[in-house]
C-alpha atoms as a PDB file:
ATOM      1  CA  MET A   1       0.020   0.016   0.074  1.00  0.00           C
ATOM      2  CA  SER A   2       2.754   2.358   0.934  1.00  0.00           C
ATOM      3  CA  ASP A   3       4.469   1.679  -2.395  1.00  0.00           C
ATOM      4  CA  ARG A   4       1.260   2.207  -4.325  1.00  0.00           C
ATOM      5  CA  HIS A   5       0.539   5.390  -2.489  1.00  0.00           C
ATOM      6  CA  SER A   6       4.157   6.547  -3.116  1.00  0.00           C
ATOM      7  CA  ILE A   7       3.831   5.806  -6.876  1.00  0.00           C
ATOM      8  CA  ALA A   8       0.480   7.526  -6.984  1.00  0.00           C
ATOM      9  CA  ASP A   9       1.784  10.558  -5.179  1.00  0.00           C
ATOM     10  CA  GLN A  10       4.710  10.750  -7.438  1.00  0.00           C
ATOM     11  CA  THR A  11       2.423  10.415 -10.457  1.00  0.00           C
ATOM     12  CA  ALA A  12       0.300  13.205  -9.134  1.00  0.00           C
ATOM     13  CA  VAL A  13       3.255  15.424  -8.489  1.00  0.00           C
ATOM     14  CA  SER A  14       4.696  14.628 -11.864  1.00  0.00           C
ATOM     15  CA  GLY A  15       1.361  15.385 -13.489  1.00  0.00           C
ATOM     16  CA  SER A  16       1.047  18.640 -11.651  1.00  0.00           C
ATOM     17  CA  THR A  17       4.550  19.640 -12.780  1.00  0.00           C
ATOM     18  CA  SER A  18       3.799  18.656 -16.354  1.00  0.00           C
ATOM     19  CA  ASP A  19       0.605  20.742 -16.290  1.00  0.00           C
ATOM     20  CA  SER A  20       2.333  23.892 -14.878  1.00  0.00           C
ATOM     21  CA  ARG A  21       5.019  24.070 -17.587  1.00  0.00           C
ATOM     22  CA  PRO A  22       2.658  24.820 -20.466  1.00  0.00           C
ATOM     23  CA  ASP A  23       0.939  27.392 -18.331  1.00  0.00           C
ATOM     24  CA  ARG A  24       4.247  29.120 -17.698  1.00  0.00           C
ATOM     25  CA  ARG A  25       5.132  28.906 -21.396  1.00  0.00           C
ATOM     26  CA  LEU A  26       1.750  30.435 -22.308  1.00  0.00           C
ATOM     27  CA  ARG A  27       2.179  33.205 -19.774  1.00  0.00           C
ATOM     28  CA  ARG A  28       5.708  33.979 -20.998  1.00  0.00           C
ATOM     29  CA  THR A  29       4.506  33.907 -24.662  1.00  0.00           C
ATOM     30  CA  ALA A  30       1.653  36.284 -23.791  1.00  0.00           C
ATOM     31  CA  LEU A  31       4.031  38.640 -22.007  1.00  0.00           C
ATOM     32  CA  ALA A  32       6.422  38.558 -24.922  1.00  0.00           C
ATOM     33  CA  VAL A  33       3.595  39.367 -27.364  1.00  0.00           C
ATOM     34  CA  ALA A  34       2.375  42.197 -25.092  1.00  0.00           C
ATOM     35  CA  ALA A  35       5.884  43.638 -24.891  1.00  0.00           C
ATOM     36  CA  ALA A  36       6.364  43.415 -28.654  1.00  0.00           C
ATOM     37  CA  ALA A  37       3.054  45.118 -29.144  1.00  0.00           C
ATOM     38  CA  ALA A  38       4.029  47.882 -26.699  1.00  0.00           C
ATOM     39  CA  LEU A  39       7.338  48.314 -28.519  1.00  0.00           C
ATOM     40  CA  GLY A  40       5.481  48.344 -31.864  1.00  0.00           C
ATOM     41  CA  LEU A  41       3.144  51.085 -30.636  1.00  0.00           C
ATOM     42  CA  THR A  42       6.007  53.098 -29.239  1.00  0.00           C
ATOM     43  CA  GLY A  43       7.908  52.781 -32.539  1.00  0.00           C
ATOM     44  CA  ALA A  44       4.829  53.913 -34.422  1.00  0.00           C
ATOM     45  CA  GLY A  45       4.440  56.848 -32.149  1.00  0.00           C
ATOM     46  CA  VAL A  46       8.025  57.896 -32.678  1.00  0.00           C
ATOM     47  CA  ALA A  47       7.638  57.452 -36.455  1.00  0.00           C
ATOM     48  CA  GLN A  48       4.467  59.531 -36.400  1.00  0.00           C
ATOM     49  CA  ALA A  49       6.212  62.260 -34.404  1.00  0.00           C
ATOM     50  CA  ALA A  50       9.198  62.243 -36.756  1.00  0.00           C
ATOM     51  CA  SER A  51       6.801  62.307 -39.705  1.00  0.00           C
ATOM     52  CA  ALA A  52       4.888  65.220 -38.203  1.00  0.00           C
ATOM     53  CA  GLY A  53       8.200  67.061 -37.572  1.00  0.00           C
ATOM     54  CA  GLY A  54       9.239  66.362 -41.158  1.00  0.00           C
ATOM     55  CA  ALA A  55       5.914  67.590 -42.503  1.00  0.00           C
ATOM     56  CA  GLY A  56       6.212  70.761 -40.382  1.00  0.00           C
ATOM     57  CA  ALA A  57       9.723  71.345 -41.662  1.00  0.00           C
ATOM     58  CA  ALA A  58       8.605  70.779 -45.253  1.00  0.00           C
ATOM     59  CA  LYS A  59       5.825  73.394 -44.729  1.00  0.00           C
ATOM     60  CA  SER A  60       8.175  76.072 -43.343  1.00  0.00           C
ATOM     61  CA  THR A  61       8.390  79.227 -45.521  1.00  0.00           C
ATOM     62  CA  PRO A  62      11.666  79.371 -47.451  1.00  0.00           C
ATOM     63  CA  THR A  63      13.872  82.451 -47.440  1.00  0.00           C
ATOM     64  CA  CYS A  64      13.264  84.687 -50.498  1.00  0.00           C
ATOM     65  CA  ALA A  65      15.845  84.026 -53.217  1.00  0.00           C
ATOM     66  CA  VAL A  66      17.535  87.079 -54.657  1.00  0.00           C
ATOM     67  CA  SER A  67      16.392  86.029 -58.096  1.00  0.00           C
ATOM     68  CA  ALA A  68      12.769  86.047 -56.880  1.00  0.00           C
ATOM     69  CA  LEU A  69      12.913  89.646 -55.645  1.00  0.00           C
ATOM     70  CA  LYS A  70      12.396  92.834 -57.471  1.00  0.00           C
ATOM     71  CA  ALA A  71      14.075  95.929 -55.940  1.00  0.00           C
ATOM     72  CA  THR A  72      12.509  99.403 -56.479  1.00  0.00           C
ATOM     73  CA  PHE A  73      12.556 102.853 -54.874  1.00  0.00           C
ATOM     74  CA  GLY A  74       9.408 104.060 -53.187  1.00  0.00           C
ATOM     75  CA  GLU A  75       8.814 107.474 -51.650  1.00  0.00           C
ATOM     76  CA  LYS A  76      11.797 109.894 -51.902  1.00  0.00           C
ATOM     77  CA  LEU A  77      12.490 111.795 -48.678  1.00  0.00           C
ATOM     78  CA  ALA A  78      13.988 115.219 -48.109  1.00  0.00           C
ATOM     79  CA  GLY A  79      14.345 117.562 -45.175  1.00  0.00           C
ATOM     80  CA  GLY A  80      16.501 120.190 -43.452  1.00  0.00           C
ATOM     81  CA  MET A  81      20.080 119.944 -42.381  1.00  0.00           C
ATOM     82  CA  ASN A  82      21.150 118.380 -45.656  1.00  0.00           C
ATOM     83  CA  HIS A  83      19.358 115.119 -44.934  1.00  0.00           C
ATOM     84  CA  GLN A  84      17.987 112.961 -47.775  1.00  0.00           C
ATOM     85  CA  GLY A  85      16.424 109.542 -47.964  1.00  0.00           C
ATOM     86  CA  VAL A  86      14.367 107.045 -49.856  1.00  0.00           C
ATOM     87  CA  VAL A  87      12.139 104.033 -49.256  1.00  0.00           C
ATOM     88  CA  VAL A  88      13.591 100.766 -50.653  1.00  0.00           C
ATOM     89  CA  LYS A  89      11.128  98.052 -51.548  1.00  0.00           C
ATOM     90  CA  LEU A  90      11.740  94.287 -52.184  1.00  0.00           C
ATOM     91  CA  ARG A  91       8.856  92.581 -53.915  1.00  0.00           C
ATOM     92  CA  ASN A  92       8.312  88.861 -54.068  1.00  0.00           C
ATOM     93  CA  LEU A  93       7.749  87.634 -57.611  1.00  0.00           C
ATOM     94  CA  SER A  94       8.579  83.976 -56.994  1.00  0.00           C
ATOM     95  CA  GLY A  95       5.094  82.701 -57.535  1.00  0.00           C
ATOM     96  CA  THR A  96       4.899  81.344 -53.975  1.00  0.00           C
ATOM     97  CA  ALA A  97       5.304  82.605 -50.406  1.00  0.00           C
ATOM     98  CA  CYS A  98       8.797  83.333 -49.109  1.00  0.00           C
ATOM     99  CA  ALA A  99      10.269  85.019 -46.020  1.00  0.00           C
ATOM    100  CA  LEU A 100      12.655  87.877 -45.222  1.00  0.00           C
ATOM    101  CA  ARG A 101      14.045  88.820 -41.792  1.00  0.00           C
ATOM    102  CA  GLY A 102      16.442  91.575 -40.820  1.00  0.00           C
ATOM    103  CA  PHE A 103      18.278  94.414 -42.499  1.00  0.00           C
ATOM    104  CA  PRO A 104      19.239  94.811 -46.124  1.00  0.00           C
ATOM    105  CA  GLY A 105      22.914  95.332 -46.891  1.00  0.00           C
ATOM    106  CA  LEU A 106      23.806  98.510 -48.800  1.00  0.00           C
ATOM    107  CA  GLY A 107      26.694  99.526 -50.963  1.00  0.00           C
ATOM    108  CA  LEU A 108      27.641 102.299 -53.431  1.00  0.00           C
ATOM    109  CA  GLU A 109      28.947 101.961 -56.968  1.00  0.00           C
ATOM    110  CA  ASN A 110      30.240 104.516 -59.484  1.00  0.00           C
ATOM    111  CA  SER A 111      29.084 104.794 -63.078  1.00  0.00           C
ATOM    112  CA  ALA A 112      31.364 101.935 -64.108  1.00  0.00           C
ATOM    113  CA  HIS A 113      29.808  99.694 -61.407  1.00  0.00           C
ATOM    114  CA  LYS A 114      32.945  99.813 -59.412  1.00  0.00           C
ATOM    115  CA  THR A 115      32.341  99.416 -55.645  1.00  0.00           C
ATOM    116  CA  LEU A 116      32.941 102.677 -53.682  1.00  0.00           C
ATOM    117  CA  SER A 117      33.884 103.043 -50.048  1.00  0.00           C
ATOM    118  CA  SER A 118      30.785 103.126 -47.874  1.00  0.00           C
ATOM    119  CA  HIS A 119      29.515 102.345 -44.339  1.00  0.00           C
ATOM    120  CA  THR A 120      26.054 101.316 -43.430  1.00  0.00           C
ATOM    121  CA  HIS A 121      24.373 101.815 -39.954  1.00  0.00           C
ATOM    122  CA  TRP A 122      21.561  99.490 -39.133  1.00  0.00           C
ATOM    123  CA  GLY A 123      18.807 100.911 -36.900  1.00  0.00           C
ATOM    124  CA  ASP A 124      16.966 104.271 -36.649  1.00  0.00           C
ATOM    125  CA  THR A 125      17.217 106.701 -39.485  1.00  0.00           C
ATOM    126  CA  TRP A 126      16.501 110.407 -39.843  1.00  0.00           C
ATOM    127  CA  TYR A 127      13.057 109.690 -41.263  1.00  0.00           C
ATOM    128  CA  ALA A 128      11.908 106.605 -39.399  1.00  0.00           C
ATOM    129  CA  GLY A 129      12.591 104.673 -36.237  1.00  0.00           C
ATOM    130  CA  ASN A 130      13.717 101.107 -36.638  1.00  0.00           C
ATOM    131  CA  PRO A 131      10.629  98.798 -36.632  1.00  0.00           C
ATOM    132  CA  GLY A 132      12.490  95.895 -35.128  1.00  0.00           C
ATOM    133  CA  THR A 133      13.609  92.655 -36.672  1.00  0.00           C
ATOM    134  CA  LYS A 134      10.675  90.384 -37.505  1.00  0.00           C
ATOM    135  CA  THR A 135      10.205  87.483 -39.893  1.00  0.00           C
ATOM    136  CA  LEU A 136       8.053  88.745 -42.768  1.00  0.00           C
ATOM    137  CA  THR A 137       6.155  86.236 -44.862  1.00  0.00           C
ATOM    138  CA  LEU A 138       5.574  87.705 -48.306  1.00  0.00           C
ATOM    139  CA  ARG A 139       2.952  86.146 -50.480  1.00  0.00           C
ATOM    140  CA  ASP A 140       3.513  86.343 -54.220  1.00  0.00           C
ATOM    141  CA  GLY A 141       3.358  89.966 -55.259  1.00  0.00           C
ATOM    142  CA  GLU A 142       3.787  91.346 -51.733  1.00  0.00           C
ATOM    143  CA  SER A 143       6.617  93.703 -50.774  1.00  0.00           C
ATOM    144  CA  ALA A 144       8.772  94.530 -47.741  1.00  0.00           C
ATOM    145  CA  GLU A 145      10.336  97.946 -47.261  1.00  0.00           C
ATOM    146  CA  ALA A 146      13.165  99.702 -45.473  1.00  0.00           C
ATOM    147  CA  VAL A 147      14.019 103.408 -45.058  1.00  0.00           C
ATOM    148  CA  VAL A 148      17.431 104.568 -46.232  1.00  0.00           C
ATOM    149  CA  SER A 149      18.882 107.985 -45.260  1.00  0.00           C
ATOM    150  CA  TRP A 150      22.166 109.925 -45.669  1.00  0.00           C
ATOM    151  CA  THR A 151      23.481 113.491 -45.674  1.00  0.00           C
ATOM    152  CA  HIS A 152      24.998 115.468 -48.497  1.00  0.00           C
ATOM    153  CA  ALA A 153      26.464 118.619 -46.799  1.00  0.00           C
ATOM    154  CA  ASN A 154      29.840 118.162 -48.473  1.00  0.00           C
ATOM    155  CA  THR A 155      28.637 117.826 -52.037  1.00  0.00           C
ATOM    156  CA  GLY A 156      31.517 118.184 -54.393  1.00  0.00           C
ATOM    157  CA  THR A 157      34.250 117.861 -51.675  1.00  0.00           C
ATOM    158  CA  PRO A 158      36.733 114.980 -51.082  1.00  0.00           C
ATOM    159  CA  GLN A 159      34.639 113.872 -48.057  1.00  0.00           C
ATOM    160  CA  ALA A 160      31.625 113.180 -50.317  1.00  0.00           C
ATOM    161  CA  ILE A 161      31.109 110.026 -52.328  1.00  0.00           C
ATOM    162  CA  HIS A 162      29.555 110.566 -55.725  1.00  0.00           C
ATOM    163  CA  ALA A 163      27.523 107.439 -56.405  1.00  0.00           C
ATOM    164  CA  ALA A 164      25.786 106.290 -59.556  1.00  0.00           C
ATOM    165  CA  TYR A 165      24.196 103.092 -58.213  1.00  0.00           C
ATOM    166  CA  LEU A 166      22.985 101.607 -54.955  1.00  0.00           C
ATOM    167  CA  GLU A 167      23.589  97.978 -54.102  1.00  0.00           C
ATOM    168  CA  ILE A 168      20.852  96.311 -52.103  1.00  0.00           C
ATOM    169  CA  THR A 169      21.575  92.906 -50.581  1.00  0.00           C
ATOM    170  CA  PRO A 170      18.523  91.104 -49.145  1.00  0.00           C
ATOM    171  CA  PRO A 171      18.970  89.550 -45.642  1.00  0.00           C
ATOM    172  CA  ALA A 172      20.769  86.133 -45.710  1.00  0.00           C
ATOM    173  CA  ALA A 173      21.859  86.680 -49.309  1.00  0.00           C
ATOM    174  CA  THR A 174      25.286  86.918 -50.863  1.00  0.00           C
ATOM    175  CA  ARG A 175      24.207  88.592 -54.086  1.00  0.00           C
ATOM    176  CA  HIS A 176      22.639  92.036 -54.528  1.00  0.00           C
ATOM    177  CA  LYS A 177      20.184  94.054 -56.603  1.00  0.00           C
ATOM    178  CA  THR A 178      21.390  97.320 -58.205  1.00  0.00           C
ATOM    179  CA  LEU A 179      19.389 100.513 -58.681  1.00  0.00           C
ATOM    180  CA  ALA A 180      20.353 103.794 -60.282  1.00  0.00           C
ATOM    181  CA  PHE A 181      21.358 106.177 -57.459  1.00  0.00           C
ATOM    182  CA  PRO A 182      23.013 109.439 -58.744  1.00  0.00           C
ATOM    183  CA  GLU A 183      23.538 110.917 -55.272  1.00  0.00           C
ATOM    184  CA  TRP A 184      26.229 112.599 -53.206  1.00  0.00           C
ATOM    185  CA  VAL A 185      26.724 110.763 -49.840  1.00  0.00           C
ATOM    186  CA  ASP A 186      28.840 112.328 -47.091  1.00  0.00           C
ATOM    187  CA  ASN A 187      31.693 109.979 -46.353  1.00  0.00           C
ATOM    188  CA  GLY A 188      29.715 107.182 -47.885  1.00  0.00           C
ATOM    189  CA  ASN A 189      27.669 106.816 -44.751  1.00  0.00           C
ATOM    190  CA  LEU A 190      24.227 105.291 -45.089  1.00  0.00           C
ATOM    191  CA  SER A 191      21.589 104.477 -42.441  1.00  0.00           C
ATOM    192  CA  VAL A 192      18.826 101.861 -42.988  1.00  0.00           C
ATOM    193  CA  THR A 193      16.001 100.336 -40.932  1.00  0.00           C
ATOM    194  CA  ALA A 194      15.093  96.709 -40.756  1.00  0.00           C
ATOM    195  CA  LEU A 195      12.648  95.441 -43.339  1.00  0.00           C
ATOM    196  CA  ALA A 196       8.868  95.674 -42.552  1.00  0.00           C
ATOM    197  CA  LYS A 197       5.642  95.375 -44.367  1.00  0.00           C
ATOM    198  CA  HIS A 198       5.156  99.129 -43.906  1.00  0.00           C
ATOM    199  CA  ILE A 199       7.141 101.898 -42.202  1.00  0.00           C
ATOM    200  CA  ASP A 200       5.707 105.312 -41.328  1.00  0.00           C
ATOM    201  CA  VAL A 201       8.115 108.118 -42.310  1.00  0.00           C
ATOM    202  CA  THR A 202       8.355 111.784 -41.472  1.00  0.00           C
ATOM    203  CA  ASP A 203       9.830 114.509 -43.691  1.00  0.00           C
END
């Protein structure tokens, strides 16, 4: 009897052990599947975030190319104390929206398009306060403007620069536009505001 009980007990124990292993395997498999699913969801979330970031970057407005801009003079400005000025406009003709931010670069050329000595001050001018640096999104056909000023007290003297053309370099550009500019500029000194959609001026 004791032997039979011992064999029966061993059989019961063995059966119990045999039944528990598949359960553990099933639980482990289920946990592995759940972990893989969680990792898959996390990966998908990261991919979606990256895709969203990429889409946002793709939709960002590009900087206006020099070739897409047309430079013109707007209002001419005059006043006392030998001050003179002009509004410079940069018009977007790219066919799509583009952006500009900051100050235009300026330079002087003689009648042979040779660069003359000049210095440009960025900020307030005689005719307008600086509007501040802002990113301007220009739709096709829209313009940004800046106010340029200088003095001409020493016209015809060695301290005055006799220009024939004005170089206008858009922000973030390395090439410039050229406009006829038959002006005397004391010491080649020019002042210009940052670009804005519109700047109020005073004569």
